[in-house]
Amino acid sequence: NQGGLVYSTGVINGENDGVENVDLNSNKDVFVKVSYKIGGMGVLGSTAAKSTVEPWRDNSFTLGTFGHLGRTADATQIRNIGGNADVFFNDLNLFGLAMVEQSKAQGEHSYVNTTRLFTEADYVIYPWLIPLVRVQYTKPDNESAVTEIVPAVVVLVRANVKVVPTALIDTKNSDNNRFTIQFHIGI
């Protein structure tokens, strides 16, 4: 049971205000996602993961596409379309996404486009030590592009404790650079 097709579609109601969990509109957004995986463990599960001491090794290639249509509370039309790829090779996982976000305010005749790209490489040194680096690119219409580099290290201190030191480096504006340490504790 290797690889396979994965698809999903859905209808989402409204827009949340982010503060009081109030539904700002009753418009329905729709989305669809389709991807196909070649090799590796099956998309619906596999007994191969049980038979190896390195279940993160899922030598495979996945290619997908997605779309989203909706409307905000102020009647702005939203369209998002994009694609993604995911490659596992031994201890390396390389994945990324390319997307165009389009929005058109009520009464406007054309959409404003924002191009977003990211790619990330994760490498399993040990199951409890995974360094990664991500490159993010955002380019709105009529504005300068922003490129950020995000190096991080995931350290599993225990089965339920994770520490993630992370940096964000803006390649054009060092005032936006920052460093964070996240602590995740599962109970």
C-alpha atoms as a PDB file:
ATOM      1  CA  ASN A   1       0.000   0.000   0.000  1.00  0.00           C
ATOM      2  CA  GLN A   2       2.169   2.870  -1.256  1.00  0.00           C
ATOM      3  CA  GLY A   3       1.272   6.470  -2.012  1.00  0.00           C
ATOM      4  CA  GLY A   4      -2.154   7.321  -3.295  1.00  0.00           C
ATOM      5  CA  LEU A   5      -4.648  10.070  -4.007  1.00  0.00           C
ATOM      6  CA  VAL A   6      -5.936  12.439  -1.321  1.00  0.00           C
ATOM      7  CA  TYR A   7      -8.731  14.910  -1.910  1.00  0.00           C
ATOM      8  CA  SER A   8     -10.911  17.117   0.220  1.00  0.00           C
ATOM      9  CA  THR A   9     -13.529  19.763  -0.242  1.00  0.00           C
ATOM     10  CA  GLY A  10     -15.542  21.818   2.158  1.00  0.00           C
ATOM     11  CA  VAL A  11     -17.792  24.728   2.913  1.00  0.00           C
ATOM     12  CA  ILE A  12     -16.847  27.177   5.638  1.00  0.00           C
ATOM     13  CA  ASN A  13     -19.343  29.524   7.257  1.00  0.00           C
ATOM     14  CA  GLY A  14     -18.561  33.123   8.018  1.00  0.00           C
ATOM     15  CA  GLU A  15     -15.593  35.006   9.326  1.00  0.00           C
ATOM     16  CA  ASN A  16     -14.482  35.050  12.968  1.00  0.00           C
ATOM     17  CA  ASP A  17     -13.725  38.400  14.641  1.00  0.00           C
ATOM     18  CA  GLY A  18     -10.693  36.878  16.396  1.00  0.00           C
ATOM     19  CA  VAL A  19     -11.651  38.398  19.759  1.00  0.00           C
ATOM     20  CA  GLU A  20     -15.084  37.380  20.972  1.00  0.00           C
ATOM     21  CA  ASN A  21     -15.543  34.445  18.571  1.00  0.00           C
ATOM     22  CA  VAL A  22     -18.353  36.303  16.816  1.00  0.00           C
ATOM     23  CA  ASP A  23     -19.388  35.266  13.298  1.00  0.00           C
ATOM     24  CA  LEU A  24     -19.001  38.449  11.232  1.00  0.00           C
ATOM     25  CA  ASN A  25     -20.891  37.212   8.184  1.00  0.00           C
ATOM     26  CA  SER A  26     -22.969  34.319   6.951  1.00  0.00           C
ATOM     27  CA  ASN A  27     -21.263  34.025   3.571  1.00  0.00           C
ATOM     28  CA  LYS A  28     -20.093  30.561   2.617  1.00  0.00           C
ATOM     29  CA  ASP A  29     -16.492  29.979   1.528  1.00  0.00           C
ATOM     30  CA  VAL A  30     -15.604  26.850  -0.444  1.00  0.00           C
ATOM     31  CA  PHE A  31     -12.287  25.074  -0.788  1.00  0.00           C
ATOM     32  CA  VAL A  32     -10.896  22.073  -2.614  1.00  0.00           C
ATOM     33  CA  LYS A  33      -7.551  20.263  -2.330  1.00  0.00           C
ATOM     34  CA  VAL A  34      -6.157  17.363  -4.356  1.00  0.00           C
ATOM     35  CA  SER A  35      -2.759  15.700  -4.024  1.00  0.00           C
ATOM     36  CA  TYR A  36      -1.103  12.543  -5.292  1.00  0.00           C
ATOM     37  CA  LYS A  37       1.700  10.708  -3.488  1.00  0.00           C
ATOM     38  CA  ILE A  38       4.157   8.396  -5.239  1.00  0.00           C
ATOM     39  CA  GLY A  39       6.037   5.872  -3.098  1.00  0.00           C
ATOM     40  CA  GLY A  40       6.437   5.799   0.647  1.00  0.00           C
ATOM     41  CA  MET A  41       3.763   4.683   3.051  1.00  0.00           C
ATOM     42  CA  GLY A  42       0.164   4.625   1.893  1.00  0.00           C
ATOM     43  CA  VAL A  43      -1.866   7.779   2.421  1.00  0.00           C
ATOM     44  CA  LEU A  44      -4.422   5.808   4.432  1.00  0.00           C
ATOM     45  CA  GLY A  45      -1.815   4.242   6.667  1.00  0.00           C
ATOM     46  CA  SER A  46       0.671   1.486   6.267  1.00  0.00           C
ATOM     47  CA  THR A  47       2.120  -1.420   8.172  1.00  0.00           C
ATOM     48  CA  ALA A  48       5.575  -0.349   6.907  1.00  0.00           C
ATOM     49  CA  ALA A  49       5.862   2.247   9.706  1.00  0.00           C
ATOM     50  CA  LYS A  50       5.418  -0.508  12.295  1.00  0.00           C
ATOM     51  CA  SER A  51       8.185  -2.617  10.781  1.00  0.00           C
ATOM     52  CA  THR A  52      10.926   0.016  10.898  1.00  0.00           C
ATOM     53  CA  VAL A  53      12.754   1.807  13.681  1.00  0.00           C
ATOM     54  CA  GLU A  54      12.870   4.937  11.461  1.00  0.00           C
ATOM     55  CA  PRO A  55       9.217   5.693  10.580  1.00  0.00           C
ATOM     56  CA  TRP A  56      10.094   9.255   9.462  1.00  0.00           C
ATOM     57  CA  ARG A  57      11.858   7.745   6.449  1.00  0.00           C
ATOM     58  CA  ASP A  58       9.023   7.804   3.927  1.00  0.00           C
ATOM     59  CA  ASN A  59      10.907   8.026   0.622  1.00  0.00           C
ATOM     60  CA  SER A  60       8.184   9.571  -1.499  1.00  0.00           C
ATOM     61  CA  PHE A  61       7.083  12.471  -3.681  1.00  0.00           C
ATOM     62  CA  THR A  62       3.755  14.283  -3.320  1.00  0.00           C
ATOM     63  CA  LEU A  63       2.340  16.932  -5.644  1.00  0.00           C
ATOM     64  CA  GLY A  64      -0.871  18.823  -4.943  1.00  0.00           C
ATOM     65  CA  THR A  65      -3.082  21.757  -5.814  1.00  0.00           C
ATOM     66  CA  PHE A  66      -5.731  23.705  -3.921  1.00  0.00           C
ATOM     67  CA  GLY A  67      -8.239  26.526  -4.302  1.00  0.00           C
ATOM     68  CA  HIS A  68     -10.441  28.685  -2.082  1.00  0.00           C
ATOM     69  CA  LEU A  69     -13.281  31.095  -2.925  1.00  0.00           C
ATOM     70  CA  GLY A  70     -14.981  33.333  -0.401  1.00  0.00           C
ATOM     71  CA  ARG A  71     -16.260  36.703   0.692  1.00  0.00           C
ATOM     72  CA  THR A  72     -15.420  38.717   3.831  1.00  0.00           C
ATOM     73  CA  ALA A  73     -17.846  40.637   6.047  1.00  0.00           C
ATOM     74  CA  ASP A  74     -17.188  43.840   4.080  1.00  0.00           C
ATOM     75  CA  ALA A  75     -18.071  42.029   0.800  1.00  0.00           C
ATOM     76  CA  THR A  76     -14.438  41.727  -0.364  1.00  0.00           C
ATOM     77  CA  GLN A  77     -14.173  38.796  -2.753  1.00  0.00           C
ATOM     78  CA  ILE A  78     -11.314  36.389  -2.004  1.00  0.00           C
ATOM     79  CA  ARG A  79      -9.733  33.834  -4.355  1.00  0.00           C
ATOM     80  CA  ASN A  80      -6.710  31.712  -3.494  1.00  0.00           C
ATOM     81  CA  ILE A  81      -5.120  29.155  -5.784  1.00  0.00           C
ATOM     82  CA  GLY A  82      -1.868  27.302  -5.487  1.00  0.00           C
ATOM     83  CA  GLY A  83       0.145  24.153  -5.467  1.00  0.00           C
ATOM     84  CA  ASN A  84       2.455  22.263  -3.152  1.00  0.00           C
ATOM     85  CA  ALA A  85       5.166  19.630  -3.325  1.00  0.00           C
ATOM     86  CA  ASP A  86       6.635  17.377  -0.648  1.00  0.00           C
ATOM     87  CA  VAL A  87       9.709  15.156  -1.018  1.00  0.00           C
ATOM     88  CA  PHE A  88      10.979  12.706   1.591  1.00  0.00           C
ATOM     89  CA  PHE A  89      14.427  11.191   1.015  1.00  0.00           C
ATOM     90  CA  ASN A  90      15.858   9.211   3.920  1.00  0.00           C
ATOM     91  CA  ASP A  91      16.297  11.734   6.770  1.00  0.00           C
ATOM     92  CA  LEU A  92      15.514  14.832   4.641  1.00  0.00           C
ATOM     93  CA  ASN A  93      12.057  16.307   4.073  1.00  0.00           C
ATOM     94  CA  LEU A  94      11.880  19.118   1.511  1.00  0.00           C
ATOM     95  CA  PHE A  95       8.512  20.747   0.903  1.00  0.00           C
ATOM     96  CA  GLY A  96       7.042  23.977  -0.371  1.00  0.00           C
ATOM     97  CA  LEU A  97       4.053  25.894  -1.574  1.00  0.00           C
ATOM     98  CA  ALA A  98       3.287  28.511  -4.223  1.00  0.00           C
ATOM     99  CA  MET A  99       0.063  30.497  -3.982  1.00  0.00           C
ATOM    100  CA  VAL A 100      -1.629  33.540  -5.448  1.00  0.00           C
ATOM    101  CA  GLU A 101      -4.071  35.329  -3.167  1.00  0.00           C
ATOM    102  CA  GLN A 102      -6.558  37.586  -4.934  1.00  0.00           C
ATOM    103  CA  SER A 103      -8.900  40.078  -3.297  1.00  0.00           C
ATOM    104  CA  LYS A 104     -11.368  42.535  -4.790  1.00  0.00           C
ATOM    105  CA  ALA A 105     -13.170  45.083  -2.637  1.00  0.00           C
ATOM    106  CA  GLN A 106     -16.850  45.742  -3.263  1.00  0.00           C
ATOM    107  CA  GLY A 107     -17.226  48.100  -6.216  1.00  0.00           C
ATOM    108  CA  GLU A 108     -13.727  47.458  -7.574  1.00  0.00           C
ATOM    109  CA  HIS A 109     -13.262  46.074 -11.081  1.00  0.00           C
ATOM    110  CA  SER A 110     -10.006  44.179 -10.687  1.00  0.00           C
ATOM    111  CA  TYR A 111      -8.366  41.904  -8.153  1.00  0.00           C
ATOM    112  CA  VAL A 112      -5.279  42.770  -6.124  1.00  0.00           C
ATOM    113  CA  ASN A 113      -2.805  39.882  -6.284  1.00  0.00           C
ATOM    114  CA  THR A 114      -0.369  38.743  -3.624  1.00  0.00           C
ATOM    115  CA  THR A 115       2.122  36.035  -4.517  1.00  0.00           C
ATOM    116  CA  ARG A 116       3.316  33.833  -1.660  1.00  0.00           C
ATOM    117  CA  LEU A 117       6.032  31.177  -1.849  1.00  0.00           C
ATOM    118  CA  PHE A 118       7.790  29.138   0.783  1.00  0.00           C
ATOM    119  CA  THR A 119      10.098  26.183   0.890  1.00  0.00           C
ATOM    120  CA  GLU A 120      11.385  24.313   3.922  1.00  0.00           C
ATOM    121  CA  ALA A 121      13.991  21.635   4.531  1.00  0.00           C
ATOM    122  CA  ASP A 122      13.871  19.494   7.700  1.00  0.00           C
ATOM    123  CA  TYR A 123      16.610  17.016   8.541  1.00  0.00           C
ATOM    124  CA  VAL A 124      16.348  14.286  11.200  1.00  0.00           C
ATOM    125  CA  ILE A 125      19.733  14.065  12.911  1.00  0.00           C
ATOM    126  CA  TYR A 126      18.164  12.083  15.743  1.00  0.00           C
ATOM    127  CA  PRO A 127      14.453  11.487  16.300  1.00  0.00           C
ATOM    128  CA  TRP A 128      14.679  14.113  19.053  1.00  0.00           C
ATOM    129  CA  LEU A 129      16.842  16.659  17.148  1.00  0.00           C
ATOM    130  CA  ILE A 130      15.535  18.136  13.887  1.00  0.00           C
ATOM    131  CA  PRO A 131      17.080  21.320  12.450  1.00  0.00           C
ATOM    132  CA  LEU A 132      15.174  23.110   9.710  1.00  0.00           C
ATOM    133  CA  VAL A 133      15.344  26.156   7.503  1.00  0.00           C
ATOM    134  CA  ARG A 134      12.449  27.841   5.729  1.00  0.00           C
ATOM    135  CA  VAL A 135      12.495  30.604   3.108  1.00  0.00           C
ATOM    136  CA  GLN A 136       9.327  32.722   2.808  1.00  0.00           C
ATOM    137  CA  TYR A 137       8.568  35.163  -0.006  1.00  0.00           C
ATOM    138  CA  THR A 138       5.610  37.563  -0.218  1.00  0.00           C
ATOM    139  CA  LYS A 139       4.973  40.001  -3.083  1.00  0.00           C
ATOM    140  CA  PRO A 140       1.783  42.109  -3.060  1.00  0.00           C
ATOM    141  CA  ASP A 141       0.851  44.057  -6.210  1.00  0.00           C
ATOM    142  CA  ASN A 142       2.560  47.464  -6.371  1.00  0.00           C
ATOM    143  CA  GLU A 143       4.635  46.790  -3.251  1.00  0.00           C
ATOM    144  CA  SER A 144       8.136  45.541  -2.548  1.00  0.00           C
ATOM    145  CA  ALA A 145       8.705  41.854  -2.060  1.00  0.00           C
ATOM    146  CA  VAL A 146       9.575  40.547   1.409  1.00  0.00           C
ATOM    147  CA  THR A 147      11.915  37.576   1.735  1.00  0.00           C
ATOM    148  CA  GLU A 148      12.479  35.992   5.124  1.00  0.00           C
ATOM    149  CA  ILE A 149      14.740  33.151   6.206  1.00  0.00           C
ATOM    150  CA  VAL A 150      13.613  31.118   9.216  1.00  0.00           C
ATOM    151  CA  PRO A 151      16.169  28.732  10.756  1.00  0.00           C
ATOM    152  CA  ALA A 152      15.019  26.656  13.728  1.00  0.00           C
ATOM    153  CA  VAL A 153      15.802  23.518  15.694  1.00  0.00           C
ATOM    154  CA  VAL A 154      13.143  21.198  17.102  1.00  0.00           C
ATOM    155  CA  VAL A 155      14.394  19.531  20.282  1.00  0.00           C
ATOM    156  CA  LEU A 156      12.233  16.852  21.902  1.00  0.00           C
ATOM    157  CA  VAL A 157      13.343  16.972  25.515  1.00  0.00           C
ATOM    158  CA  ARG A 158      10.869  14.236  26.498  1.00  0.00           C
ATOM    159  CA  ALA A 159       7.974  12.533  24.746  1.00  0.00           C
ATOM    160  CA  ASN A 160       5.670  15.375  25.790  1.00  0.00           C
ATOM    161  CA  VAL A 161       8.117  18.331  25.951  1.00  0.00           C
ATOM    162  CA  LYS A 162       9.388  20.173  22.877  1.00  0.00           C
ATOM    163  CA  VAL A 163      11.662  23.238  22.710  1.00  0.00           C
ATOM    164  CA  VAL A 164      11.976  25.162  19.422  1.00  0.00           C
ATOM    165  CA  PRO A 165      14.484  28.037  19.192  1.00  0.00           C
ATOM    166  CA  THR A 166      13.650  29.996  16.029  1.00  0.00           C
ATOM    167  CA  ALA A 167      15.048  33.037  14.227  1.00  0.00           C
ATOM    168  CA  LEU A 168      13.340  35.173  11.596  1.00  0.00           C
ATOM    169  CA  ILE A 169      15.697  37.048   9.300  1.00  0.00           C
ATOM    170  CA  ASP A 170      14.260  39.687   6.950  1.00  0.00           C
ATOM    171  CA  THR A 171      16.682  39.937   4.034  1.00  0.00           C
ATOM    172  CA  LYS A 172      15.905  43.638   3.414  1.00  0.00           C
ATOM    173  CA  ASN A 173      15.011  45.094   6.818  1.00  0.00           C
ATOM    174  CA  SER A 174      16.992  43.946   9.843  1.00  0.00           C
ATOM    175  CA  ASP A 175      14.576  45.855  12.130  1.00  0.00           C
ATOM    176  CA  ASN A 176      12.101  43.013  11.489  1.00  0.00           C
ATOM    177  CA  ASN A 177      14.542  40.304  12.615  1.00  0.00           C
ATOM    178  CA  ARG A 178      13.595  38.406  15.747  1.00  0.00           C
ATOM    179  CA  PHE A 179      14.475  35.381  17.834  1.00  0.00           C
ATOM    180  CA  THR A 180      11.993  33.272  19.785  1.00  0.00           C
ATOM    181  CA  ILE A 181      12.032  30.143  21.877  1.00  0.00           C
ATOM    182  CA  GLN A 182       8.821  28.109  21.956  1.00  0.00           C
ATOM    183  CA  PHE A 183       8.055  25.579  24.680  1.00  0.00           C
ATOM    184  CA  HIS A 184       5.405  22.953  24.009  1.00  0.00           C
ATOM    185  CA  ILE A 185       4.233  20.731  26.833  1.00  0.00           C
ATOM    186  CA  GLY A 186       1.632  18.026  26.289  1.00  0.00           C
ATOM    187  CA  ILE A 187      -0.349  16.815  29.255  1.00  0.00           C
END
